Amino acid sequence: MFRSLVILAVSLWIASTAYAGEAPSEAACGNGDAEACFYTGAEYAQGAGVPEDKQTAVTWFLKSCDMGIPDGCTTSGYFYVNGDGNVPKDVEKGVQYMERACGMGHVDGCDKAIGQRLSVQSPAHDFDKAVAAAKAGCEAGVKNPCFWGLYWAWDGNEGKYPAMINQVNAGWFAERVCDKYHDVMGCDVAARVYANPDAPTFDAQKGLTYSMIRCDEQKSGGDCRNVAGVYLNIEEYELGAMYLRRACEYGHEASCSRATEWETYNREMAEYNARMAALNAMVDTPLSEGRYGDAVSAAINSTGSRDLVQKAILAAKSAGRMGEVATNDLYATALWFQSGPVRAAADAEMAARGTGLEGTFGTGTNEPGMANARWNQLYGSNAPTYTSSSPSFSAPPMKSASQISAETKQKYRWAHCTMKGSNTSATVCQ
């Protein structure tokens, strides 16, 4: 607009001055002044100080464009589109000049070029080139082309341009509209286009990113639910529960009971892990101090964990310290393990001690009741029993917005583990 006013002012300037050999600004242009080159074009276009010659004016306008003044390309394009003065009408050529200006961030260039590409009456009509111009203008920082491209690609601008509907383009424009302008529709479309594993545009990292923006910044309960589904599927249960609760708080009622289920599971799992850590310490501490007999005894009599007995026995065997294991602990080990390397280690040590029970204690004719009776006979009490190291509770079934395949699950896990600030866990990301 400023330079348009300049052209008008130049047309009124030097009205009574005799023509010199060159335009008033031409010398400054020759010295590298880009603005002067534009003004030289304006002077030729208006006959200010030189004979009016719009074809020559275009030469100077384009030179100014080459030097970074996009108005020069837009003005040249306008002359060609309209066949102004002695410039031959060439709509396609004119629109190309305007598109160049658009790609340099010139608002007017974008408006005029894209308008020509959209118009079915224009010789330059071309939807694909309209999209290309919009992308160039959007990248150059012009706002409207970003939104126009989104509207065309998502729903054909509410059905006006059905041929322009394109999910790939919708994602491209939606990303920029969301990132640059924090627009609700842009973020929503980006989440829809990229987060659906069944869509050809699926991109785990982008899908998770834009779904989280919709949830965290725009308070969309449905998107919070989708984020929760992703995290539950990649076994990030704490984050899954957190986003289910957030979905509930943002009005997604179906997520409320699910949030409670997963919160309960996480709490119980944390308590279980704490108990297991304490039990492991009962065995790990004596093992680290080389007290193998004490480690096996603690595993059997204090933890009651079959897994920890296995750990302690195999450690003692590897260290050549089975001789430190109490005989009653060998019997208990044989009772708990019917076969395998742990049973073999216990039997070997019983044979070395001449107990005569290797290979028989707790097996064969020694049914559980009979083995316990033998223990009672030996020690005057019932035989120790073991518990499973697995938790007695199970996780709620995992549901997500769509079924995520194993490959997709890996892609979401990778996305979570590589996203900045994603609070990754060692279990999932290593």
Protein backbone atom coordinates (compact mmCIF):
# COMPACT_ATOMS: atom_id res chain seq x y z
CA MET A 1 0.00 0.00 0.00
CA PHE A 2 2.82 2.41 0.86
CA ARG A 3 4.47 1.91 -2.49
CA SER A 4 1.12 2.31 -4.30
CA LEU A 5 0.84 5.75 -2.73
CA VAL A 6 4.39 6.44 -3.82
CA ILE A 7 3.44 5.67 -7.43
CA LEU A 8 0.52 8.08 -7.18
CA ALA A 9 2.77 10.77 -5.70
CA VAL A 10 5.36 10.29 -8.42
CA SER A 11 2.68 10.73 -11.08
CA LEU A 12 2.03 14.21 -9.77
CA TRP A 13 5.71 15.07 -9.44
CA ILE A 14 7.75 17.01 -12.01
CA ALA A 15 4.55 17.51 -14.05
CA SER A 16 5.98 20.57 -15.77
CA THR A 17 9.60 19.40 -15.90
CA ALA A 18 11.15 18.70 -19.30
CA TYR A 19 12.21 15.10 -19.86
CA ALA A 20 15.89 14.38 -19.08
CA GLY A 21 17.51 11.23 -20.45
CA GLU A 22 16.72 9.01 -17.47
CA ALA A 23 14.29 8.70 -14.59
CA PRO A 24 15.11 10.76 -11.50
CA SER A 25 15.79 7.64 -9.34
CA GLU A 26 17.70 5.69 -11.98
CA ALA A 27 21.20 6.73 -10.90
CA ALA A 28 20.56 5.72 -7.30
CA CYS A 29 19.23 2.37 -8.51
CA GLY A 30 22.41 1.87 -10.48
CA ASN A 31 24.34 2.40 -7.25
CA GLY A 32 22.54 -0.56 -5.64
CA ASP A 33 19.60 1.15 -3.91
CA ALA A 34 16.72 -1.37 -4.16
CA GLU A 35 14.08 1.18 -3.15
CA ALA A 36 15.37 3.54 -5.84
CA CYS A 37 14.93 0.77 -8.42
CA PHE A 38 11.29 0.45 -7.43
CA TYR A 39 10.83 4.24 -7.65
CA THR A 40 12.49 4.21 -11.07
CA GLY A 41 9.85 1.71 -12.18
CA ALA A 42 7.14 3.94 -10.75
CA GLU A 43 8.56 6.94 -12.60
CA TYR A 44 8.49 5.11 -15.95
CA ALA A 45 5.03 3.73 -15.19
CA GLN A 46 3.64 7.22 -14.52
CA GLY A 47 5.74 9.23 -16.95
CA ALA A 48 7.29 11.21 -14.13
CA GLY A 49 10.46 12.83 -15.46
CA VAL A 50 10.62 10.36 -18.37
CA PRO A 51 8.16 9.29 -21.09
CA GLU A 52 5.58 6.84 -19.79
CA ASP A 53 6.69 3.29 -20.65
CA LYS A 54 5.21 0.51 -18.56
CA GLN A 55 7.18 -2.22 -20.28
CA THR A 56 10.39 -0.42 -19.23
CA ALA A 57 8.84 0.13 -15.81
CA VAL A 58 8.45 -3.65 -15.44
CA THR A 59 12.19 -4.05 -16.03
CA TRP A 60 12.93 -1.76 -13.09
CA PHE A 61 10.20 -3.25 -10.90
CA LEU A 62 11.61 -6.74 -11.44
CA LYS A 63 15.09 -5.48 -10.68
CA SER A 64 13.83 -4.16 -7.36
CA CYS A 65 12.19 -7.54 -6.75
CA ASP A 66 15.50 -9.27 -7.41
CA MET A 67 17.00 -6.98 -4.79
CA GLY A 68 14.40 -7.94 -2.15
CA ILE A 69 11.44 -5.60 -2.82
CA PRO A 70 8.47 -7.96 -3.45
CA ASP A 71 6.19 -5.05 -4.43
CA GLY A 72 8.16 -4.93 -7.69
CA CYS A 73 7.04 -8.45 -8.64
CA THR A 74 3.44 -7.85 -7.57
CA THR A 75 3.23 -4.61 -9.58
CA SER A 76 4.77 -6.27 -12.63
CA GLY A 77 2.31 -9.12 -12.30
CA TYR A 78 -0.58 -6.69 -12.11
CA PHE A 79 0.55 -5.04 -15.38
CA TYR A 80 0.75 -8.40 -17.18
CA VAL A 81 -2.56 -9.72 -15.83
CA ASN A 82 -4.35 -6.59 -17.01
CA GLY A 83 -2.31 -5.84 -20.12
CA ASP A 84 -1.70 -2.36 -18.79
CA GLY A 85 -0.26 0.29 -21.10
CA ASN A 86 2.27 -1.15 -23.55
CA VAL A 87 2.63 -4.36 -21.51
CA PRO A 88 1.16 -7.32 -23.44
CA LYS A 89 -1.55 -9.17 -21.54
CA ASP A 90 -0.22 -12.47 -20.21
CA VAL A 91 -2.20 -13.65 -17.21
CA GLU A 92 -0.09 -16.74 -16.50
CA LYS A 93 3.14 -14.74 -16.57
CA GLY A 94 1.64 -12.05 -14.38
CA VAL A 95 0.39 -14.57 -11.82
CA GLN A 96 3.83 -16.15 -11.69
CA TYR A 97 5.34 -12.78 -10.77
CA MET A 98 2.69 -12.37 -8.05
CA GLU A 99 3.45 -15.87 -6.76
CA ARG A 100 7.10 -14.94 -6.51
CA ALA A 101 6.14 -11.95 -4.38
CA CYS A 102 3.89 -14.17 -2.29
CA GLY A 103 6.81 -16.47 -1.58
CA MET A 104 8.72 -13.40 -0.38
CA GLY A 105 6.00 -12.69 2.19
CA HIS A 106 4.01 -10.08 0.23
CA VAL A 107 0.37 -10.13 1.35
CA ASP A 108 -1.01 -8.45 -1.76
CA GLY A 109 0.96 -10.80 -4.00
CA CYS A 110 -0.55 -13.80 -2.23
CA ASP A 111 -4.08 -12.42 -2.41
CA LYS A 112 -3.93 -11.64 -6.12
CA ALA A 113 -2.04 -14.77 -7.22
CA ILE A 114 -4.18 -17.20 -5.25
CA GLY A 115 -7.35 -15.45 -6.36
CA GLN A 116 -6.35 -15.99 -10.00
CA ARG A 117 -5.47 -19.64 -9.40
CA LEU A 118 -8.82 -20.33 -7.74
CA SER A 119 -10.99 -18.55 -10.29
CA VAL A 120 -12.34 -20.87 -12.97
CA GLN A 121 -12.75 -17.79 -15.18
CA SER A 122 -9.05 -17.00 -15.07
CA PRO A 123 -6.69 -18.33 -17.77
CA ALA A 124 -4.30 -19.06 -14.89
CA HIS A 125 -6.81 -21.26 -13.02
CA ASP A 126 -4.97 -24.16 -11.36
CA PHE A 127 -5.86 -25.62 -7.95
CA ASP A 128 -2.52 -27.36 -7.51
CA LYS A 129 -0.67 -24.11 -8.12
CA ALA A 130 -3.02 -22.34 -5.71
CA VAL A 131 -1.95 -24.82 -3.03
CA ALA A 132 1.72 -24.36 -3.92
CA ALA A 133 1.37 -20.57 -3.71
CA ALA A 134 -0.45 -20.85 -0.39
CA LYS A 135 2.31 -23.05 1.00
CA ALA A 136 4.99 -20.61 -0.15
CA GLY A 137 3.15 -17.65 1.34
CA CYS A 138 2.44 -19.52 4.57
CA GLU A 139 6.10 -20.45 4.94
CA ALA A 140 7.05 -16.82 4.28
CA GLY A 141 4.87 -15.69 7.20
CA VAL A 142 1.69 -14.58 5.45
CA LYS A 143 -1.20 -15.66 7.66
CA ASN A 144 -4.21 -16.00 5.35
CA PRO A 145 -2.70 -18.57 2.95
CA CYS A 146 -2.08 -20.90 5.90
CA PHE A 147 -5.77 -20.87 6.79
CA TRP A 148 -6.99 -20.98 3.19
CA GLY A 149 -4.89 -24.07 2.52
CA LEU A 150 -6.27 -25.74 5.64
CA TYR A 151 -9.88 -25.03 4.67
CA TRP A 152 -9.38 -26.27 1.10
CA ALA A 153 -7.57 -29.45 2.06
CA TRP A 154 -9.75 -30.47 5.02
CA ASP A 155 -13.26 -30.16 3.61
CA GLY A 156 -12.92 -28.26 0.35
CA ASN A 157 -13.76 -25.02 2.16
CA GLU A 158 -17.10 -26.51 3.27
CA GLY A 159 -17.63 -28.19 -0.07
CA LYS A 160 -16.87 -25.24 -2.32
CA TYR A 161 -13.72 -26.87 -3.71
CA PRO A 162 -14.16 -30.65 -3.30
CA ALA A 163 -11.32 -31.36 -5.71
CA MET A 164 -8.90 -29.71 -3.27
CA ILE A 165 -9.61 -32.08 -0.37
CA ASN A 166 -6.33 -33.78 0.46
CA GLN A 167 -5.32 -35.25 3.83
CA VAL A 168 -1.61 -34.77 3.26
CA ASN A 169 -2.08 -31.09 2.49
CA ALA A 170 -4.53 -30.80 5.39
CA GLY A 171 -1.85 -32.05 7.75
CA TRP A 172 0.77 -29.71 6.30
CA PHE A 173 -1.36 -26.59 6.71
CA ALA A 174 -2.86 -27.74 10.03
CA GLU A 175 0.59 -28.07 11.58
CA ARG A 176 1.49 -24.51 10.70
CA VAL A 177 -1.86 -23.05 11.68
CA CYS A 178 -1.58 -24.80 15.04
CA ASP A 179 2.11 -24.03 15.62
CA LYS A 180 2.13 -20.41 14.45
CA TYR A 181 -1.36 -19.21 15.34
CA HIS A 182 -2.50 -21.68 18.05
CA ASP A 183 -5.75 -22.10 16.18
CA VAL A 184 -8.19 -24.69 17.58
CA MET A 185 -9.21 -26.03 14.19
CA GLY A 186 -5.60 -26.30 13.04
CA CYS A 187 -4.56 -28.31 16.10
CA ASP A 188 -7.69 -30.47 15.87
CA VAL A 189 -7.13 -31.32 12.21
CA ALA A 190 -3.43 -32.04 12.82
CA ALA A 191 -4.35 -34.46 15.61
CA ARG A 192 -6.98 -36.17 13.46
CA VAL A 193 -4.76 -36.48 10.40
CA TYR A 194 -1.64 -37.76 12.17
CA ALA A 195 -2.96 -39.73 15.17
CA ASN A 196 -5.15 -42.25 13.36
CA PRO A 197 -3.13 -45.46 12.85
CA ASP A 198 -5.43 -46.50 10.01
CA ALA A 199 -4.83 -43.34 7.98
CA PRO A 200 -2.09 -43.13 5.34
CA THR A 201 -0.99 -39.87 6.99
CA PHE A 202 -0.34 -41.57 10.35
CA ASP A 203 2.70 -40.19 12.13
CA ALA A 204 3.12 -41.33 15.73
CA GLN A 205 5.20 -38.39 16.94
CA LYS A 206 3.07 -35.74 15.27
CA GLY A 207 -0.14 -37.49 16.29
CA LEU A 208 0.93 -37.59 19.91
CA THR A 209 2.25 -34.02 19.80
CA TYR A 210 -0.94 -32.46 18.44
CA SER A 211 -3.23 -34.63 20.54
CA MET A 212 -1.33 -33.41 23.61
CA ILE A 213 -1.65 -29.80 22.48
CA ARG A 214 -5.39 -30.30 22.08
CA CYS A 215 -5.55 -31.83 25.54
CA ASP A 216 -3.06 -29.78 27.53
CA GLU A 217 -3.59 -26.35 25.97
CA GLN A 218 -7.07 -26.48 24.46
CA LYS A 219 -8.68 -28.72 27.10
CA SER A 220 -10.25 -31.22 24.73
CA GLY A 221 -11.45 -34.20 26.76
CA GLY A 222 -11.62 -36.46 23.71
CA ASP A 223 -8.01 -35.75 22.81
CA CYS A 224 -6.93 -36.36 26.41
CA ARG A 225 -8.64 -39.74 26.14
CA ASN A 226 -6.74 -40.48 22.93
CA VAL A 227 -3.43 -39.55 24.56
CA ALA A 228 -4.31 -41.82 27.48
CA GLY A 229 -5.00 -44.67 25.06
CA VAL A 230 -1.57 -44.28 23.50
CA TYR A 231 0.18 -44.28 26.87
CA LEU A 232 -1.73 -47.28 28.16
CA ASN A 233 -0.82 -49.20 25.01
CA ILE A 234 2.89 -48.49 25.41
CA GLU A 235 2.58 -49.45 29.09
CA GLU A 236 3.16 -45.96 30.48
CA TYR A 237 0.40 -46.57 32.99
CA GLU A 238 1.02 -43.56 35.22
CA LEU A 239 0.75 -41.17 32.27
CA GLY A 240 -2.24 -43.09 30.95
CA ALA A 241 -4.08 -42.68 34.23
CA MET A 242 -3.13 -39.01 34.42
CA TYR A 243 -4.55 -38.27 30.97
CA LEU A 244 -7.71 -40.29 31.68
CA ARG A 245 -8.28 -38.16 34.78
CA ARG A 246 -7.65 -35.03 32.74
CA ALA A 247 -10.12 -36.25 30.10
CA CYS A 248 -12.69 -36.73 32.85
CA GLU A 249 -12.07 -33.24 34.20
CA TYR A 250 -12.53 -31.80 30.70
CA GLY A 251 -15.93 -33.39 30.27
CA HIS A 252 -15.22 -36.83 28.78
CA GLU A 253 -17.45 -38.73 31.20
CA ALA A 254 -16.60 -42.21 29.91
CA SER A 255 -13.02 -41.63 31.08
CA CYS A 256 -13.93 -41.05 34.73
CA SER A 257 -14.43 -44.67 35.78
CA ARG A 258 -11.47 -45.77 33.68
CA ALA A 259 -9.29 -43.18 35.40
CA THR A 260 -10.29 -44.58 38.78
CA GLU A 261 -9.53 -48.16 37.66
CA TRP A 262 -6.05 -47.26 36.46
CA GLU A 263 -5.31 -45.06 39.46
CA THR A 264 -6.19 -48.00 41.71
CA TYR A 265 -4.01 -50.33 39.69
CA ASN A 266 -1.07 -47.93 39.78
CA ARG A 267 -1.41 -47.45 43.53
CA GLU A 268 -1.53 -51.21 44.16
CA MET A 269 1.39 -51.78 41.81
CA ALA A 270 3.44 -49.13 43.61
CA GLU A 271 2.69 -50.78 46.96
CA TYR A 272 3.60 -54.18 45.52
CA ASN A 273 6.86 -52.86 44.09
CA ALA A 274 7.73 -51.32 47.43
CA ARG A 275 7.11 -54.66 49.17
CA MET A 276 9.16 -56.49 46.58
CA ALA A 277 12.00 -54.00 46.95
CA ALA A 278 12.06 -54.66 50.69
CA LEU A 279 12.03 -58.44 50.16
CA ASN A 280 14.80 -58.22 47.55
CA ALA A 281 16.89 -56.24 49.99
CA MET A 282 16.63 -59.13 52.51
CA VAL A 283 18.38 -61.35 50.00
CA ASP A 284 20.56 -58.87 48.13
CA THR A 285 22.23 -57.52 51.26
CA PRO A 286 23.66 -60.83 52.51
CA LEU A 287 24.56 -61.83 48.94
CA SER A 288 26.54 -58.60 48.51
CA GLU A 289 28.36 -59.41 51.76
CA GLY A 290 29.15 -62.98 50.72
CA ARG A 291 26.78 -64.56 53.29
CA TYR A 292 25.20 -67.11 50.95
CA GLY A 293 23.67 -69.32 53.63
CA ASP A 294 21.98 -66.32 55.22
CA ALA A 295 20.70 -65.18 51.83
CA VAL A 296 19.07 -68.58 51.12
CA SER A 297 17.60 -68.70 54.64
CA ALA A 298 16.16 -65.21 54.27
CA ALA A 299 14.71 -66.05 50.89
CA ILE A 300 12.94 -69.13 52.29
CA ASN A 301 11.97 -68.11 55.80
CA SER A 302 11.54 -64.33 55.54
CA THR A 303 10.39 -63.60 51.99
CA GLY A 304 8.68 -66.85 51.03
CA SER A 305 9.51 -65.97 47.42
CA ARG A 306 10.31 -68.82 45.06
CA ASP A 307 12.04 -66.37 42.70
CA LEU A 308 14.33 -65.09 45.46
CA VAL A 309 15.19 -68.64 46.54
CA GLN A 310 16.20 -69.36 42.97
CA LYS A 311 18.32 -66.22 42.91
CA ALA A 312 20.06 -67.07 46.19
CA ILE A 313 20.66 -70.78 45.41
CA LEU A 314 22.07 -70.10 41.95
CA ALA A 315 24.32 -67.37 43.39
CA ALA A 316 25.61 -69.77 46.05
CA LYS A 317 26.20 -72.50 43.46
CA SER A 318 28.01 -70.08 41.12
CA ALA A 319 30.25 -68.97 43.99
CA GLY A 320 30.93 -72.57 45.08
CA ARG A 321 29.38 -71.84 48.49
CA MET A 322 26.49 -74.32 48.61
CA GLY A 323 28.13 -75.82 51.70
CA GLU A 324 26.99 -72.77 53.68
CA VAL A 325 23.29 -73.50 53.03
CA ALA A 326 21.52 -75.08 56.00
CA THR A 327 20.25 -78.64 55.47
CA ASN A 328 16.65 -77.71 56.22
CA ASP A 329 16.93 -74.96 53.62
CA LEU A 330 18.10 -77.55 51.10
CA TYR A 331 15.02 -79.66 51.92
CA ALA A 332 12.77 -76.63 51.50
CA THR A 333 14.42 -75.81 48.18
CA ALA A 334 13.86 -79.38 46.97
CA LEU A 335 10.25 -79.17 48.11
CA TRP A 336 9.64 -75.92 46.21
CA PHE A 337 11.43 -76.92 43.00
CA GLN A 338 10.43 -80.22 41.40
CA SER A 339 13.04 -79.97 38.64
CA GLY A 340 15.51 -77.63 36.98
CA PRO A 341 18.88 -76.14 37.94
CA VAL A 342 17.83 -75.06 41.43
CA ARG A 343 16.60 -78.55 42.31
CA ALA A 344 19.76 -80.05 40.82
CA ALA A 345 21.93 -77.79 42.97
CA ALA A 346 20.01 -78.72 46.11
CA ASP A 347 20.12 -82.45 45.32
CA ALA A 348 23.85 -82.31 44.62
CA GLU A 349 24.52 -80.69 47.99
CA MET A 350 22.23 -83.18 49.82
CA ALA A 351 24.12 -86.02 48.14
CA ALA A 352 27.43 -84.52 49.24
CA ARG A 353 26.15 -84.45 52.81
CA GLY A 354 24.89 -88.05 52.64
CA THR A 355 21.29 -87.23 53.53
CA GLY A 356 19.92 -89.93 51.22
CA LEU A 357 17.04 -87.61 50.26
CA GLU A 358 18.45 -86.23 47.04
CA GLY A 359 16.01 -86.68 44.18
CA THR A 360 13.21 -87.81 46.49
CA PHE A 361 12.33 -85.02 48.90
CA GLY A 362 8.99 -83.51 47.91
CA THR A 363 8.64 -85.68 44.78
CA GLY A 364 7.52 -89.17 43.79
CA THR A 365 5.67 -90.82 46.67
CA ASN A 366 6.17 -87.67 48.67
CA GLU A 367 2.90 -85.94 47.79
CA PRO A 368 2.56 -82.43 49.29
CA GLY A 369 0.92 -83.77 52.46
CA MET A 370 3.50 -86.50 52.86
CA ALA A 371 6.39 -84.10 52.28
CA ASN A 372 4.99 -81.83 54.95
CA ALA A 373 4.68 -84.83 57.32
CA ARG A 374 8.31 -85.69 56.72
CA TRP A 375 9.30 -82.08 57.42
CA ASN A 376 7.23 -82.20 60.60
CA GLN A 377 8.98 -85.37 61.59
CA LEU A 378 12.36 -83.81 60.97
CA TYR A 379 11.77 -80.36 62.44
CA GLY A 380 8.60 -80.48 64.50
CA SER A 381 6.74 -77.91 62.40
CA ASN A 382 5.04 -77.50 59.05
CA ALA A 383 7.19 -77.05 55.94
CA PRO A 384 7.60 -73.47 54.74
CA THR A 385 5.41 -72.41 51.84
CA TYR A 386 6.20 -70.02 49.03
CA THR A 387 4.27 -67.33 47.28
CA SER A 388 4.28 -66.18 43.68
CA SER A 389 6.33 -63.11 42.92
CA SER A 390 3.62 -61.90 40.56
CA PRO A 391 1.10 -59.39 41.88
CA SER A 392 -2.28 -60.81 42.86
CA PHE A 393 -4.09 -58.07 40.96
CA SER A 394 -4.30 -57.45 37.23
CA ALA A 395 -4.35 -54.31 35.12
CA PRO A 396 -7.66 -53.18 33.64
CA PRO A 397 -8.00 -54.04 29.96
CA MET A 398 -6.38 -51.44 27.74
CA LYS A 399 -8.72 -49.61 25.41
CA SER A 400 -7.75 -46.92 22.95
CA ALA A 401 -9.50 -44.78 20.40
CA SER A 402 -8.50 -47.34 17.79
CA GLN A 403 -6.76 -50.71 17.94
CA ILE A 404 -3.02 -50.13 17.80
CA SER A 405 -0.97 -52.81 16.09
CA ALA A 406 2.36 -54.00 17.43
CA GLU A 407 4.21 -51.94 14.84
CA THR A 408 2.18 -48.84 15.67
CA LYS A 409 2.72 -49.45 19.35
CA GLN A 410 6.48 -49.38 18.75
CA LYS A 411 6.15 -46.15 16.78
CA TYR A 412 4.23 -44.50 19.63
CA ARG A 413 6.78 -45.79 22.14
CA TRP A 414 9.56 -44.28 20.03
CA ALA A 415 7.63 -41.01 19.74
CA HIS A 416 7.13 -40.83 23.51
CA CYS A 417 10.76 -41.61 24.24
CA THR A 418 12.17 -39.06 21.80
CA MET A 419 9.79 -36.15 22.42
CA LYS A 420 11.32 -33.29 24.35
CA GLY A 421 10.10 -33.11 27.92
CA SER A 422 8.08 -36.31 27.70
CA ASN A 423 9.11 -37.48 31.19
CA THR A 424 10.26 -40.84 29.88
CA SER A 425 10.56 -43.89 32.08
CA ALA A 426 13.55 -46.21 32.10
CA THR A 427 11.36 -49.29 31.69
CA VAL A 428 9.69 -48.21 28.48
CA CYS A 429 12.50 -46.24 26.85
CA GLN A 430 15.50 -48.50 27.39
